[in-house]
Amino acid sequence: MTNIMQILPELEGDEMVFVSNLVKDMPDQQVQQFAVMYRTRRKDPQTILILSLLGFIGIAGIHRFILDQVGMGLLYLFTGGICLIGTIIDVVNYRRLAFEYNHKQAMQMSLLVKNMG
């Protein structure tokens, strides 16, 4: 079995554990396909943090658009990050926001790879 840490070294903590468990029963070729597809869809937590911080200079909600949460993105955009309170909460919880998005993408990619093979 391929070591997922060698294929996707950018993964950390809970995300690494989750992805490792997700691909543990896949053959090496499917793991490689999964890694390529997942890497293109995955959002880096640091990117989410930087985009969240834009809310403090008047561009609130961009990170929510990137995370496919268009409704929340519009709400943040028109309310100033819900008067900055939502922006502050998102800055504190940026890793969780990224993990939730990446979790969903990993599940979709694993199903797609399994159905292809």
N, C-alpha and C. Protein backbone atom coordinates (compact mmCIF):
# COMPACT_ATOMS: atom_id res chain seq x y z
N MET A 1 0.84 -1.20 0.00
CA MET A 1 0.00 0.00 0.00
C MET A 1 0.88 1.25 0.00
N THR A 2 0.47 2.23 -0.75
CA THR A 2 1.19 3.49 -0.85
C THR A 2 1.01 4.30 0.42
N ASN A 3 2.08 4.94 0.87
CA ASN A 3 2.02 5.79 2.05
C ASN A 3 1.46 7.15 1.62
N ILE A 4 0.30 7.49 2.14
CA ILE A 4 -0.39 8.72 1.75
C ILE A 4 0.41 9.95 2.16
N MET A 5 1.23 9.82 3.19
CA MET A 5 2.04 10.95 3.64
C MET A 5 3.10 11.32 2.60
N GLN A 6 3.56 10.35 1.84
CA GLN A 6 4.53 10.63 0.79
C GLN A 6 3.85 11.27 -0.43
N ILE A 7 2.62 10.87 -0.69
CA ILE A 7 1.90 11.38 -1.86
C ILE A 7 1.32 12.77 -1.60
N LEU A 8 0.78 12.96 -0.41
CA LEU A 8 0.17 14.25 -0.04
C LEU A 8 0.83 14.80 1.23
N PRO A 9 2.07 15.27 1.14
CA PRO A 9 2.78 15.74 2.34
C PRO A 9 2.19 17.01 2.95
N GLU A 10 1.33 17.70 2.23
CA GLU A 10 0.75 18.93 2.76
C GLU A 10 -0.36 18.69 3.78
N LEU A 11 -0.82 17.46 3.91
CA LEU A 11 -1.88 17.15 4.87
C LEU A 11 -1.32 17.12 6.28
N GLU A 12 -2.15 17.54 7.24
CA GLU A 12 -1.74 17.57 8.64
C GLU A 12 -2.86 17.05 9.53
N GLY A 13 -2.51 16.54 10.66
CA GLY A 13 -3.44 16.21 11.74
C GLY A 13 -4.64 15.39 11.34
N ASP A 14 -5.82 15.90 11.67
CA ASP A 14 -7.08 15.18 11.44
C ASP A 14 -7.29 14.88 9.96
N GLU A 15 -6.88 15.79 9.12
CA GLU A 15 -7.07 15.58 7.68
C GLU A 15 -6.22 14.41 7.20
N MET A 16 -5.00 14.30 7.70
CA MET A 16 -4.12 13.18 7.32
C MET A 16 -4.72 11.85 7.79
N VAL A 17 -5.21 11.83 9.01
CA VAL A 17 -5.82 10.60 9.54
C VAL A 17 -7.05 10.23 8.73
N PHE A 18 -7.89 11.21 8.44
CA PHE A 18 -9.11 10.95 7.69
C PHE A 18 -8.81 10.40 6.30
N VAL A 19 -7.90 11.07 5.58
CA VAL A 19 -7.57 10.64 4.22
C VAL A 19 -6.89 9.28 4.24
N SER A 20 -6.02 9.03 5.22
CA SER A 20 -5.36 7.73 5.32
C SER A 20 -6.39 6.61 5.50
N ASN A 21 -7.37 6.83 6.35
CA ASN A 21 -8.42 5.83 6.55
C ASN A 21 -9.29 5.67 5.31
N LEU A 22 -9.47 6.74 4.59
CA LEU A 22 -10.30 6.71 3.40
C LEU A 22 -9.68 5.89 2.27
N VAL A 23 -8.36 5.94 2.14
CA VAL A 23 -7.69 5.27 1.03
C VAL A 23 -6.99 3.97 1.43
N LYS A 24 -7.13 3.55 2.69
CA LYS A 24 -6.36 2.39 3.16
C LYS A 24 -6.68 1.09 2.40
N ASP A 25 -7.89 0.95 1.86
CA ASP A 25 -8.26 -0.27 1.15
C ASP A 25 -8.16 -0.14 -0.37
N MET A 26 -7.67 1.00 -0.84
CA MET A 26 -7.56 1.22 -2.28
C MET A 26 -6.24 0.67 -2.80
N PRO A 27 -6.25 0.15 -4.03
CA PRO A 27 -4.97 -0.22 -4.66
C PRO A 27 -4.14 1.03 -4.95
N ASP A 28 -2.84 0.84 -5.14
CA ASP A 28 -1.92 1.96 -5.34
C ASP A 28 -2.33 2.88 -6.49
N GLN A 29 -2.81 2.31 -7.57
CA GLN A 29 -3.20 3.14 -8.72
C GLN A 29 -4.37 4.05 -8.35
N GLN A 30 -5.35 3.54 -7.62
CA GLN A 30 -6.49 4.36 -7.20
C GLN A 30 -6.05 5.43 -6.20
N VAL A 31 -5.10 5.10 -5.33
CA VAL A 31 -4.59 6.09 -4.38
C VAL A 31 -3.92 7.23 -5.13
N GLN A 32 -3.17 6.90 -6.16
CA GLN A 32 -2.52 7.93 -6.97
C GLN A 32 -3.56 8.82 -7.66
N GLN A 33 -4.60 8.20 -8.23
CA GLN A 33 -5.66 8.97 -8.88
C GLN A 33 -6.37 9.86 -7.86
N PHE A 34 -6.66 9.29 -6.70
CA PHE A 34 -7.31 10.06 -5.64
C PHE A 34 -6.46 11.27 -5.26
N ALA A 35 -5.16 11.05 -5.09
CA ALA A 35 -4.27 12.14 -4.67
C ALA A 35 -4.26 13.27 -5.68
N VAL A 36 -4.19 12.95 -6.94
CA VAL A 36 -4.18 13.98 -7.98
C VAL A 36 -5.49 14.76 -7.97
N MET A 37 -6.61 14.06 -7.90
CA MET A 37 -7.92 14.71 -7.92
C MET A 37 -8.16 15.52 -6.64
N TYR A 38 -7.78 14.95 -5.50
CA TYR A 38 -8.00 15.62 -4.22
C TYR A 38 -7.16 16.89 -4.10
N ARG A 39 -5.93 16.81 -4.57
CA ARG A 39 -5.03 17.97 -4.50
C ARG A 39 -5.60 19.16 -5.27
N THR A 40 -6.29 18.89 -6.39
CA THR A 40 -6.84 20.00 -7.17
C THR A 40 -8.05 20.65 -6.50
N ARG A 41 -8.77 19.90 -5.69
CA ARG A 41 -9.99 20.43 -5.05
C ARG A 41 -9.76 20.90 -3.61
N ARG A 42 -8.73 20.42 -2.98
CA ARG A 42 -8.46 20.71 -1.57
C ARG A 42 -8.16 22.20 -1.36
N LYS A 43 -8.65 22.73 -0.24
CA LYS A 43 -8.36 24.11 0.14
C LYS A 43 -7.39 24.10 1.32
N ASP A 44 -6.32 24.87 1.20
CA ASP A 44 -5.33 24.96 2.26
C ASP A 44 -5.87 25.82 3.40
N PRO A 45 -5.75 25.37 4.65
CA PRO A 45 -6.25 26.17 5.77
C PRO A 45 -5.62 27.56 5.85
N GLN A 46 -4.35 27.69 5.46
CA GLN A 46 -3.71 29.00 5.51
C GLN A 46 -4.35 29.98 4.52
N THR A 47 -4.77 29.47 3.38
CA THR A 47 -5.46 30.31 2.40
C THR A 47 -6.78 30.79 2.97
N ILE A 48 -7.50 29.91 3.65
CA ILE A 48 -8.77 30.28 4.27
C ILE A 48 -8.54 31.34 5.34
N LEU A 49 -7.48 31.20 6.11
CA LEU A 49 -7.16 32.20 7.14
C LEU A 49 -6.89 33.57 6.50
N ILE A 50 -6.08 33.59 5.47
CA ILE A 50 -5.75 34.86 4.82
C ILE A 50 -7.01 35.51 4.23
N LEU A 51 -7.84 34.71 3.58
CA LEU A 51 -9.07 35.26 3.01
C LEU A 51 -10.04 35.71 4.10
N SER A 52 -10.05 35.03 5.24
CA SER A 52 -10.90 35.44 6.36
C SER A 52 -10.46 36.80 6.89
N LEU A 53 -9.16 36.99 6.94
CA LEU A 53 -8.63 38.26 7.46
C LEU A 53 -8.99 39.45 6.58
N LEU A 54 -9.32 39.20 5.32
CA LEU A 54 -9.75 40.30 4.44
C LEU A 54 -11.03 40.96 4.94
N GLY A 55 -11.77 40.25 5.77
CA GLY A 55 -12.99 40.82 6.34
C GLY A 55 -12.72 42.05 7.19
N PHE A 56 -11.51 42.14 7.74
CA PHE A 56 -11.17 43.29 8.58
C PHE A 56 -10.86 44.55 7.77
N ILE A 57 -10.65 44.39 6.47
CA ILE A 57 -10.41 45.58 5.64
C ILE A 57 -11.58 45.84 4.70
N GLY A 58 -12.71 45.21 4.99
CA GLY A 58 -13.93 45.54 4.25
C GLY A 58 -14.35 44.56 3.18
N ILE A 59 -13.64 43.46 3.00
CA ILE A 59 -14.01 42.48 1.98
C ILE A 59 -14.39 41.17 2.68
N ALA A 60 -15.43 41.23 3.46
CA ALA A 60 -15.85 40.07 4.25
C ALA A 60 -16.53 39.02 3.38
N GLY A 61 -16.31 37.76 3.71
CA GLY A 61 -17.04 36.67 3.08
C GLY A 61 -16.37 35.99 1.92
N ILE A 62 -15.23 36.48 1.46
CA ILE A 62 -14.56 35.87 0.31
C ILE A 62 -14.24 34.40 0.60
N HIS A 63 -13.80 34.12 1.82
CA HIS A 63 -13.46 32.74 2.18
C HIS A 63 -14.68 31.83 2.10
N ARG A 64 -15.85 32.35 2.38
CA ARG A 64 -17.07 31.54 2.29
C ARG A 64 -17.40 31.20 0.84
N PHE A 65 -17.15 32.11 -0.07
CA PHE A 65 -17.35 31.81 -1.50
C PHE A 65 -16.39 30.70 -1.93
N ILE A 66 -15.14 30.78 -1.50
CA ILE A 66 -14.13 29.79 -1.86
C ILE A 66 -14.52 28.41 -1.32
N LEU A 67 -15.21 28.38 -0.19
CA LEU A 67 -15.63 27.12 0.43
C LEU A 67 -17.00 26.65 -0.07
N ASP A 68 -17.46 27.22 -1.18
CA ASP A 68 -18.76 26.87 -1.78
C ASP A 68 -19.94 27.17 -0.88
N GLN A 69 -19.81 28.16 -0.01
CA GLN A 69 -20.91 28.59 0.85
C GLN A 69 -21.36 29.97 0.37
N VAL A 70 -22.01 29.97 -0.79
CA VAL A 70 -22.38 31.22 -1.46
C VAL A 70 -23.34 32.04 -0.61
N GLY A 71 -24.31 31.41 0.00
CA GLY A 71 -25.27 32.13 0.83
C GLY A 71 -24.61 32.85 1.99
N MET A 72 -23.73 32.15 2.70
CA MET A 72 -23.01 32.78 3.80
C MET A 72 -22.06 33.86 3.28
N GLY A 73 -21.48 33.63 2.12
CA GLY A 73 -20.60 34.63 1.53
C GLY A 73 -21.33 35.92 1.25
N LEU A 74 -22.53 35.82 0.68
CA LEU A 74 -23.34 37.00 0.41
C LEU A 74 -23.75 37.70 1.71
N LEU A 75 -24.15 36.90 2.69
CA LEU A 75 -24.54 37.46 3.98
C LEU A 75 -23.38 38.23 4.61
N TYR A 76 -22.19 37.64 4.61
CA TYR A 76 -21.01 38.31 5.17
C TYR A 76 -20.67 39.57 4.36
N LEU A 77 -20.77 39.47 3.06
CA LEU A 77 -20.42 40.59 2.20
C LEU A 77 -21.32 41.80 2.46
N PHE A 78 -22.63 41.55 2.59
CA PHE A 78 -23.57 42.65 2.75
C PHE A 78 -23.73 43.13 4.19
N THR A 79 -23.24 42.35 5.16
CA THR A 79 -23.39 42.76 6.57
C THR A 79 -22.04 43.05 7.23
N GLY A 80 -21.00 43.14 6.42
CA GLY A 80 -19.68 43.42 7.00
C GLY A 80 -19.21 42.28 7.88
N GLY A 81 -19.41 41.07 7.41
CA GLY A 81 -19.02 39.90 8.21
C GLY A 81 -19.87 39.78 9.46
N ILE A 82 -21.15 40.13 9.29
CA ILE A 82 -22.12 40.23 10.39
C ILE A 82 -21.49 41.06 11.51
N CYS A 83 -21.20 42.29 11.10
CA CYS A 83 -20.59 43.31 11.98
C CYS A 83 -19.28 42.82 12.60
N LEU A 84 -18.50 42.12 11.81
CA LEU A 84 -17.18 41.59 12.16
C LEU A 84 -17.20 40.42 13.14
N ILE A 85 -18.31 40.16 13.79
CA ILE A 85 -18.36 39.06 14.74
C ILE A 85 -18.17 37.72 14.03
N GLY A 86 -18.87 37.53 12.92
CA GLY A 86 -18.73 36.30 12.15
C GLY A 86 -17.32 36.15 11.59
N THR A 87 -16.74 37.26 11.18
CA THR A 87 -15.37 37.23 10.66
C THR A 87 -14.39 36.81 11.74
N ILE A 88 -14.55 37.34 12.95
CA ILE A 88 -13.67 36.97 14.06
C ILE A 88 -13.81 35.48 14.37
N ILE A 89 -15.04 34.99 14.39
CA ILE A 89 -15.27 33.57 14.65
C ILE A 89 -14.62 32.72 13.57
N ASP A 90 -14.73 33.14 12.32
CA ASP A 90 -14.14 32.38 11.23
C ASP A 90 -12.61 32.41 11.27
N VAL A 91 -12.04 33.52 11.69
CA VAL A 91 -10.58 33.59 11.83
C VAL A 91 -10.11 32.60 12.88
N VAL A 92 -10.86 32.49 13.96
CA VAL A 92 -10.51 31.54 15.03
C VAL A 92 -10.71 30.09 14.55
N ASN A 93 -11.75 29.86 13.77
CA ASN A 93 -12.11 28.49 13.35
C ASN A 93 -11.73 28.17 11.91
N TYR A 94 -10.74 28.83 11.36
CA TYR A 94 -10.40 28.64 9.95
C TYR A 94 -10.01 27.20 9.63
N ARG A 95 -9.33 26.52 10.55
CA ARG A 95 -8.94 25.12 10.30
C ARG A 95 -10.16 24.21 10.20
N ARG A 96 -11.14 24.44 11.05
CA ARG A 96 -12.35 23.63 11.01
C ARG A 96 -13.11 23.86 9.71
N LEU A 97 -13.20 25.11 9.27
CA LEU A 97 -13.87 25.42 8.01
C LEU A 97 -13.19 24.71 6.84
N ALA A 98 -11.87 24.77 6.81
CA ALA A 98 -11.12 24.10 5.73
C ALA A 98 -11.28 22.59 5.83
N PHE A 99 -11.23 22.04 7.05
CA PHE A 99 -11.36 20.59 7.21
C PHE A 99 -12.73 20.10 6.75
N GLU A 100 -13.78 20.82 7.10
CA GLU A 100 -15.13 20.42 6.68
C GLU A 100 -15.25 20.40 5.16
N TYR A 101 -14.71 21.41 4.51
CA TYR A 101 -14.75 21.46 3.05
C TYR A 101 -13.92 20.32 2.47
N ASN A 102 -12.71 20.14 2.97
CA ASN A 102 -11.82 19.09 2.47
C ASN A 102 -12.37 17.70 2.73
N HIS A 103 -13.05 17.53 3.85
CA HIS A 103 -13.69 16.25 4.18
C HIS A 103 -14.71 15.89 3.11
N LYS A 104 -15.55 16.85 2.77
CA LYS A 104 -16.58 16.63 1.75
C LYS A 104 -15.94 16.31 0.39
N GLN A 105 -14.89 17.05 0.04
CA GLN A 105 -14.22 16.81 -1.23
C GLN A 105 -13.54 15.44 -1.26
N ALA A 106 -12.94 15.05 -0.16
CA ALA A 106 -12.27 13.74 -0.09
C ALA A 106 -13.27 12.61 -0.26
N MET A 107 -14.42 12.76 0.37
CA MET A 107 -15.46 11.72 0.23
C MET A 107 -15.90 11.62 -1.23
N GLN A 108 -16.14 12.75 -1.87
CA GLN A 108 -16.56 12.74 -3.27
C GLN A 108 -15.48 12.15 -4.17
N MET A 109 -14.23 12.52 -3.94
CA MET A 109 -13.14 12.01 -4.77
C MET A 109 -12.95 10.50 -4.58
N SER A 110 -13.09 10.02 -3.35
CA SER A 110 -12.91 8.59 -3.11
C SER A 110 -14.01 7.79 -3.80
N LEU A 111 -15.24 8.27 -3.74
CA LEU A 111 -16.33 7.60 -4.43
C LEU A 111 -16.13 7.60 -5.94
N LEU A 112 -15.68 8.72 -6.45
CA LEU A 112 -15.43 8.83 -7.90
C LEU A 112 -14.32 7.88 -8.33
N VAL A 113 -13.24 7.81 -7.58
CA VAL A 113 -12.13 6.93 -7.93
C VAL A 113 -12.55 5.46 -7.83
N LYS A 114 -13.30 5.12 -6.79
CA LYS A 114 -13.76 3.72 -6.64
C LYS A 114 -14.70 3.32 -7.77
N ASN A 115 -15.55 4.25 -8.20
CA ASN A 115 -16.47 3.95 -9.29
C ASN A 115 -15.78 3.87 -10.63
N MET A 116 -14.67 4.58 -10.79
CA MET A 116 -13.91 4.53 -12.04
C MET A 116 -13.19 3.20 -12.18
N GLY A 117 -12.72 2.67 -11.06
CA GLY A 117 -11.90 1.45 -11.11
C GLY A 117 -12.69 0.27 -10.84
